[in-house]
Amino acid sequence: LSIFVSCSILFFNGCSSEKKKSNEDQIKLKNEINESKSDVKTKEESKTTNITLQDANGKIIPITPIEKGYKFEGFENKVVLVVFFTTWCPPCKAEIPHLNSLQEKYKDNFVIISVLLEENKSNEEIQSFMKYNHIKYIITNGAENFKFAQSAGGVKSIPLMFLYDKNGNYSTHYVGAIPEEMIDADIKKVL
């Protein structure tokens, strides 16, 4: 991390057209570096904290961080696809039929846990969204969703999906809308 921060400082100084930064800019840069160090500590702490997700029907899903992934209580010996999404995101909505298809195809050995990253959505709104879109997989709702997103390394874009094997170990991830066939092939590898 120190090397990265040092290189970043050299890069910004080396690319700057100014010969000398003002004192105010130097203070601002130091504050940003200190904030990023604090973020790293927060991320490290969140990776070791147990998380309790709750689905739109009130069912609790305890998640425990392990060395290479997560244990999803109640879904032991199942491949788990975690999907971070929002209800307003067009690519997230476009993925729904493909995720439904995969959930149906592998229902005995596979589960999709979709993690909503929106604040102030009621479970009734989520249930209505699920019914309207014929969703056949789990959607979680609540403040713990954001803790899980932080624990997973921070979510910068959506949809973002992580595939975990039957032991909870990380297998692969997908950013954006992904062809169903690609996810299907990866599921087969870890079944």
C-alpha atoms as a PDB file:
ATOM      1  CA  LEU A   1       0.000   0.000   0.000  1.00  0.00           C
ATOM      2  CA  SER A   2       2.849   2.369   0.874  1.00  0.00           C
ATOM      3  CA  ILE A   3       4.486   1.693  -2.498  1.00  0.00           C
ATOM      4  CA  PHE A   4       1.182   2.338  -4.282  1.00  0.00           C
ATOM      5  CA  VAL A   5       0.638   5.614  -2.414  1.00  0.00           C
ATOM      6  CA  SER A   6       4.233   6.684  -3.061  1.00  0.00           C
ATOM      7  CA  CYS A   7       3.955   5.863  -6.765  1.00  0.00           C
ATOM      8  CA  SER A   8       0.641   7.709  -6.938  1.00  0.00           C
ATOM      9  CA  ILE A   9       2.205  10.802  -5.384  1.00  0.00           C
ATOM     10  CA  LEU A  10       5.153  10.615  -7.816  1.00  0.00           C
ATOM     11  CA  PHE A  11       2.776  10.105 -10.740  1.00  0.00           C
ATOM     12  CA  PHE A  12       0.651  13.111  -9.849  1.00  0.00           C
ATOM     13  CA  ASN A  13       3.696  15.255  -9.150  1.00  0.00           C
ATOM     14  CA  GLY A  14       5.411  14.067 -12.325  1.00  0.00           C
ATOM     15  CA  CYS A  15       2.375  14.766 -14.490  1.00  0.00           C
ATOM     16  CA  SER A  16       1.563  18.113 -12.979  1.00  0.00           C
ATOM     17  CA  SER A  17       2.130  21.165 -15.148  1.00  0.00           C
ATOM     18  CA  GLU A  18       2.790  23.219 -12.036  1.00  0.00           C
ATOM     19  CA  LYS A  19       6.340  23.429 -10.767  1.00  0.00           C
ATOM     20  CA  LYS A  20       5.267  23.711  -7.139  1.00  0.00           C
ATOM     21  CA  LYS A  21       1.972  22.753  -5.522  1.00  0.00           C
ATOM     22  CA  SER A  22       0.377  25.218  -3.189  1.00  0.00           C
ATOM     23  CA  ASN A  23       0.356  24.427   0.520  1.00  0.00           C
ATOM     24  CA  GLU A  24      -3.426  23.934   0.356  1.00  0.00           C
ATOM     25  CA  ASP A  25      -3.073  21.292  -2.394  1.00  0.00           C
ATOM     26  CA  GLN A  26      -0.408  19.459  -0.382  1.00  0.00           C
ATOM     27  CA  ILE A  27      -2.674  19.362   2.697  1.00  0.00           C
ATOM     28  CA  LYS A  28      -5.565  18.112   0.570  1.00  0.00           C
ATOM     29  CA  LEU A  29      -3.390  15.344  -0.892  1.00  0.00           C
ATOM     30  CA  LYS A  30      -2.193  14.278   2.576  1.00  0.00           C
ATOM     31  CA  ASN A  31      -5.800  14.126   3.782  1.00  0.00           C
ATOM     32  CA  GLU A  32      -6.785  11.967   0.796  1.00  0.00           C
ATOM     33  CA  ILE A  33      -3.892   9.587   1.507  1.00  0.00           C
ATOM     34  CA  ASN A  34      -4.863   9.360   5.188  1.00  0.00           C
ATOM     35  CA  GLU A  35      -8.501   8.686   4.202  1.00  0.00           C
ATOM     36  CA  SER A  36      -7.427   5.914   1.818  1.00  0.00           C
ATOM     37  CA  LYS A  37      -5.317   4.335   4.600  1.00  0.00           C
ATOM     38  CA  SER A  38      -8.371   4.502   6.860  1.00  0.00           C
ATOM     39  CA  ASP A  39     -10.514   2.896   4.125  1.00  0.00           C
ATOM     40  CA  VAL A  40      -8.010   0.023   3.870  1.00  0.00           C
ATOM     41  CA  LYS A  41      -8.265  -0.589   7.634  1.00  0.00           C
ATOM     42  CA  THR A  42     -12.077  -0.494   7.423  1.00  0.00           C
ATOM     43  CA  LYS A  43     -12.042  -2.981   4.521  1.00  0.00           C
ATOM     44  CA  GLU A  44      -9.665  -5.299   6.411  1.00  0.00           C
ATOM     45  CA  GLU A  45     -11.870  -5.157   9.511  1.00  0.00           C
ATOM     46  CA  SER A  46     -15.053  -5.757   7.468  1.00  0.00           C
ATOM     47  CA  LYS A  47     -13.518  -8.877   5.883  1.00  0.00           C
ATOM     48  CA  THR A  48     -13.380 -10.557   9.295  1.00  0.00           C
ATOM     49  CA  THR A  49     -16.829  -9.530  10.549  1.00  0.00           C
ATOM     50  CA  ASN A  50     -19.818 -11.847  10.360  1.00  0.00           C
ATOM     51  CA  ILE A  51     -22.696 -10.438   8.331  1.00  0.00           C
ATOM     52  CA  THR A  52     -26.380 -11.220   8.612  1.00  0.00           C
ATOM     53  CA  LEU A  53     -28.402 -10.614   5.474  1.00  0.00           C
ATOM     54  CA  GLN A  54     -32.186 -10.717   5.452  1.00  0.00           C
ATOM     55  CA  ASP A  55     -34.257 -11.605   2.417  1.00  0.00           C
ATOM     56  CA  ALA A  56     -37.426  -9.776   1.389  1.00  0.00           C
ATOM     57  CA  ASN A  57     -39.526 -12.380   3.233  1.00  0.00           C
ATOM     58  CA  GLY A  58     -37.644 -11.926   6.516  1.00  0.00           C
ATOM     59  CA  LYS A  59     -35.450 -15.051   6.323  1.00  0.00           C
ATOM     60  CA  ILE A  60     -32.010 -14.538   7.885  1.00  0.00           C
ATOM     61  CA  ILE A  61     -28.867 -15.559   5.968  1.00  0.00           C
ATOM     62  CA  PRO A  62     -25.754 -15.527   8.208  1.00  0.00           C
ATOM     63  CA  ILE A  63     -22.500 -15.079   6.281  1.00  0.00           C
ATOM     64  CA  THR A  64     -19.111 -15.854   7.779  1.00  0.00           C
ATOM     65  CA  PRO A  65     -15.879 -14.742   6.100  1.00  0.00           C
ATOM     66  CA  ILE A  66     -13.360 -17.532   5.500  1.00  0.00           C
ATOM     67  CA  GLU A  67      -9.828 -17.358   4.136  1.00  0.00           C
ATOM     68  CA  LYS A  68     -10.810 -17.477   0.456  1.00  0.00           C
ATOM     69  CA  GLY A  69     -14.470 -16.479   0.489  1.00  0.00           C
ATOM     70  CA  TYR A  70     -17.594 -16.845   2.621  1.00  0.00           C
ATOM     71  CA  LYS A  71     -19.682 -19.521   4.300  1.00  0.00           C
ATOM     72  CA  PHE A  72     -23.378 -19.004   3.564  1.00  0.00           C
ATOM     73  CA  GLU A  73     -25.333 -20.604   6.412  1.00  0.00           C
ATOM     74  CA  GLY A  74     -28.246 -22.655   5.141  1.00  0.00           C
ATOM     75  CA  PHE A  75     -26.589 -23.128   1.747  1.00  0.00           C
ATOM     76  CA  GLU A  76     -23.778 -25.501   2.686  1.00  0.00           C
ATOM     77  CA  ASN A  77     -22.617 -27.736  -0.176  1.00  0.00           C
ATOM     78  CA  LYS A  78     -24.181 -25.425  -2.749  1.00  0.00           C
ATOM     79  CA  VAL A  79     -22.523 -23.234  -5.337  1.00  0.00           C
ATOM     80  CA  VAL A  80     -23.472 -19.621  -4.531  1.00  0.00           C
ATOM     81  CA  LEU A  81     -23.720 -16.720  -6.974  1.00  0.00           C
ATOM     82  CA  VAL A  82     -23.850 -13.377  -5.152  1.00  0.00           C
ATOM     83  CA  VAL A  83     -25.310 -10.595  -7.299  1.00  0.00           C
ATOM     84  CA  PHE A  84     -24.959  -6.951  -6.239  1.00  0.00           C
ATOM     85  CA  PHE A  85     -27.642  -4.879  -7.980  1.00  0.00           C
ATOM     86  CA  THR A  86     -30.217  -2.080  -7.854  1.00  0.00           C
ATOM     87  CA  THR A  87     -33.811  -2.064  -9.066  1.00  0.00           C
ATOM     88  CA  TRP A  88     -33.260   0.962 -11.314  1.00  0.00           C
ATOM     89  CA  CYS A  89     -30.236  -0.436 -13.186  1.00  0.00           C
ATOM     90  CA  PRO A  90     -31.069  -1.513 -16.801  1.00  0.00           C
ATOM     91  CA  PRO A  91     -28.249  -4.134 -17.078  1.00  0.00           C
ATOM     92  CA  CYS A  92     -29.343  -5.561 -13.696  1.00  0.00           C
ATOM     93  CA  LYS A  93     -32.886  -5.961 -15.019  1.00  0.00           C
ATOM     94  CA  ALA A  94     -31.586  -7.475 -18.261  1.00  0.00           C
ATOM     95  CA  GLU A  95     -29.821 -10.202 -16.241  1.00  0.00           C
ATOM     96  CA  ILE A  96     -33.021 -11.358 -14.481  1.00  0.00           C
ATOM     97  CA  PRO A  97     -34.216 -13.892 -17.112  1.00  0.00           C
ATOM     98  CA  HIS A  98     -30.721 -15.393 -17.332  1.00  0.00           C
ATOM     99  CA  LEU A  99     -30.396 -15.660 -13.557  1.00  0.00           C
ATOM    100  CA  ASN A 100     -33.871 -17.220 -13.349  1.00  0.00           C
ATOM    101  CA  SER A 101     -32.838 -19.762 -15.972  1.00  0.00           C
ATOM    102  CA  LEU A 102     -29.642 -20.680 -14.112  1.00  0.00           C
ATOM    103  CA  GLN A 103     -31.449 -20.915 -10.762  1.00  0.00           C
ATOM    104  CA  GLU A 104     -34.020 -23.272 -12.285  1.00  0.00           C
ATOM    105  CA  LYS A 105     -31.438 -25.353 -14.146  1.00  0.00           C
ATOM    106  CA  TYR A 106     -29.193 -25.961 -11.112  1.00  0.00           C
ATOM    107  CA  LYS A 107     -31.773 -25.597  -8.301  1.00  0.00           C
ATOM    108  CA  ASP A 108     -30.542 -28.633  -6.337  1.00  0.00           C
ATOM    109  CA  ASN A 109     -26.880 -27.584  -6.138  1.00  0.00           C
ATOM    110  CA  PHE A 110     -26.910 -23.836  -6.728  1.00  0.00           C
ATOM    111  CA  VAL A 111     -28.385 -20.695  -5.195  1.00  0.00           C
ATOM    112  CA  ILE A 112     -28.423 -17.051  -6.213  1.00  0.00           C
ATOM    113  CA  ILE A 113     -28.311 -14.479  -3.433  1.00  0.00           C
ATOM    114  CA  SER A 114     -29.057 -11.079  -4.901  1.00  0.00           C
ATOM    115  CA  VAL A 115     -27.919  -8.180  -2.699  1.00  0.00           C
ATOM    116  CA  LEU A 116     -29.869  -4.939  -3.158  1.00  0.00           C
ATOM    117  CA  LEU A 117     -27.729  -1.812  -2.855  1.00  0.00           C
ATOM    118  CA  GLU A 118     -30.507   0.733  -2.359  1.00  0.00           C
ATOM    119  CA  GLU A 119     -31.484   2.486   0.835  1.00  0.00           C
ATOM    120  CA  ASN A 120     -35.042   2.922   2.097  1.00  0.00           C
ATOM    121  CA  LYS A 121     -36.645   0.177   0.007  1.00  0.00           C
ATOM    122  CA  SER A 122     -39.350  -1.680   1.890  1.00  0.00           C
ATOM    123  CA  ASN A 123     -39.656  -5.451   1.688  1.00  0.00           C
ATOM    124  CA  GLU A 124     -43.099  -4.915   0.149  1.00  0.00           C
ATOM    125  CA  GLU A 125     -41.513  -2.917  -2.692  1.00  0.00           C
ATOM    126  CA  ILE A 126     -38.933  -5.679  -3.223  1.00  0.00           C
ATOM    127  CA  GLN A 127     -41.627  -8.380  -3.204  1.00  0.00           C
ATOM    128  CA  SER A 128     -43.585  -6.374  -5.790  1.00  0.00           C
ATOM    129  CA  PHE A 129     -40.415  -6.010  -7.903  1.00  0.00           C
ATOM    130  CA  MET A 130     -39.826  -9.769  -7.637  1.00  0.00           C
ATOM    131  CA  LYS A 131     -43.394 -10.582  -8.647  1.00  0.00           C
ATOM    132  CA  TYR A 132     -43.396  -8.129 -11.568  1.00  0.00           C
ATOM    133  CA  ASN A 133     -40.089  -9.539 -12.896  1.00  0.00           C
ATOM    134  CA  HIS A 134     -40.924 -13.198 -12.078  1.00  0.00           C
ATOM    135  CA  ILE A 135     -37.744 -13.507  -9.978  1.00  0.00           C
ATOM    136  CA  LYS A 136     -37.083 -17.066  -8.754  1.00  0.00           C
ATOM    137  CA  TYR A 137     -34.076 -16.373  -6.551  1.00  0.00           C
ATOM    138  CA  ILE A 138     -33.357 -14.681  -3.218  1.00  0.00           C
ATOM    139  CA  ILE A 139     -33.164 -10.895  -2.884  1.00  0.00           C
ATOM    140  CA  THR A 140     -31.790  -9.466   0.351  1.00  0.00           C
ATOM    141  CA  ASN A 141     -32.638  -6.026   1.667  1.00  0.00           C
ATOM    142  CA  GLY A 142     -31.236  -3.903   4.504  1.00  0.00           C
ATOM    143  CA  ALA A 143     -28.232  -2.095   5.941  1.00  0.00           C
ATOM    144  CA  GLU A 144     -26.164  -5.300   6.221  1.00  0.00           C
ATOM    145  CA  ASN A 145     -26.156  -5.464   2.395  1.00  0.00           C
ATOM    146  CA  PHE A 146     -23.816  -2.470   2.358  1.00  0.00           C
ATOM    147  CA  LYS A 147     -21.534  -4.108   4.953  1.00  0.00           C
ATOM    148  CA  PHE A 148     -21.374  -7.196   2.761  1.00  0.00           C
ATOM    149  CA  ALA A 149     -20.550  -5.067  -0.298  1.00  0.00           C
ATOM    150  CA  GLN A 150     -17.713  -3.463   1.680  1.00  0.00           C
ATOM    151  CA  SER A 151     -16.512  -6.864   2.893  1.00  0.00           C
ATOM    152  CA  ALA A 152     -16.466  -8.179  -0.669  1.00  0.00           C
ATOM    153  CA  GLY A 153     -13.980  -5.462  -1.590  1.00  0.00           C
ATOM    154  CA  GLY A 154     -16.308  -2.577  -2.321  1.00  0.00           C
ATOM    155  CA  VAL A 155     -18.757  -2.409  -5.190  1.00  0.00           C
ATOM    156  CA  LYS A 156     -17.807   0.183  -7.784  1.00  0.00           C
ATOM    157  CA  SER A 157     -20.208  -0.844 -10.564  1.00  0.00           C
ATOM    158  CA  ILE A 158     -23.343  -2.929 -10.940  1.00  0.00           C
ATOM    159  CA  PRO A 159     -24.309  -5.568 -11.674  1.00  0.00           C
ATOM    160  CA  LEU A 160     -21.365  -7.214  -9.974  1.00  0.00           C
ATOM    161  CA  MET A 161     -21.451 -10.977  -9.382  1.00  0.00           C
ATOM    162  CA  PHE A 162     -19.212 -13.319  -7.386  1.00  0.00           C
ATOM    163  CA  LEU A 163     -19.280 -17.090  -7.802  1.00  0.00           C
ATOM    164  CA  TYR A 164     -18.347 -19.270  -4.805  1.00  0.00           C
ATOM    165  CA  ASP A 165     -17.824 -23.038  -4.859  1.00  0.00           C
ATOM    166  CA  LYS A 166     -19.540 -25.560  -2.559  1.00  0.00           C
ATOM    167  CA  ASN A 167     -16.995 -24.824   0.193  1.00  0.00           C
ATOM    168  CA  GLY A 168     -17.544 -21.066  -0.022  1.00  0.00           C
ATOM    169  CA  ASN A 169     -14.256 -20.384  -1.795  1.00  0.00           C
ATOM    170  CA  TYR A 170     -14.123 -17.618  -4.396  1.00  0.00           C
ATOM    171  CA  SER A 171     -14.201 -18.969  -7.934  1.00  0.00           C
ATOM    172  CA  THR A 172     -14.659 -15.974 -10.260  1.00  0.00           C
ATOM    173  CA  HIS A 173     -16.514 -12.693 -10.663  1.00  0.00           C
ATOM    174  CA  TYR A 174     -18.357 -10.803 -13.377  1.00  0.00           C
ATOM    175  CA  VAL A 175     -18.730  -7.061 -13.924  1.00  0.00           C
ATOM    176  CA  GLY A 176     -21.700  -5.824 -15.934  1.00  0.00           C
ATOM    177  CA  ALA A 177     -24.160  -7.836 -17.980  1.00  0.00           C
ATOM    178  CA  ILE A 178     -22.657 -11.250 -18.767  1.00  0.00           C
ATOM    179  CA  PRO A 179     -23.869 -13.909 -21.227  1.00  0.00           C
ATOM    180  CA  GLU A 180     -25.732 -16.716 -19.481  1.00  0.00           C
ATOM    181  CA  GLU A 181     -23.535 -19.301 -21.219  1.00  0.00           C
ATOM    182  CA  MET A 182     -20.397 -17.897 -19.586  1.00  0.00           C
ATOM    183  CA  ILE A 183     -21.870 -18.107 -16.069  1.00  0.00           C
ATOM    184  CA  ASP A 184     -23.287 -21.556 -16.876  1.00  0.00           C
ATOM    185  CA  ALA A 185     -19.836 -22.842 -17.903  1.00  0.00           C
ATOM    186  CA  ASP A 186     -18.289 -21.509 -14.689  1.00  0.00           C
ATOM    187  CA  ILE A 187     -21.022 -23.090 -12.548  1.00  0.00           C
ATOM    188  CA  LYS A 188     -20.338 -26.466 -14.173  1.00  0.00           C
ATOM    189  CA  LYS A 189     -16.642 -26.136 -13.278  1.00  0.00           C
ATOM    190  CA  VAL A 190     -17.364 -25.793  -9.546  1.00  0.00           C
ATOM    191  CA  LEU A 191     -20.314 -28.192  -9.180  1.00  0.00           C
END
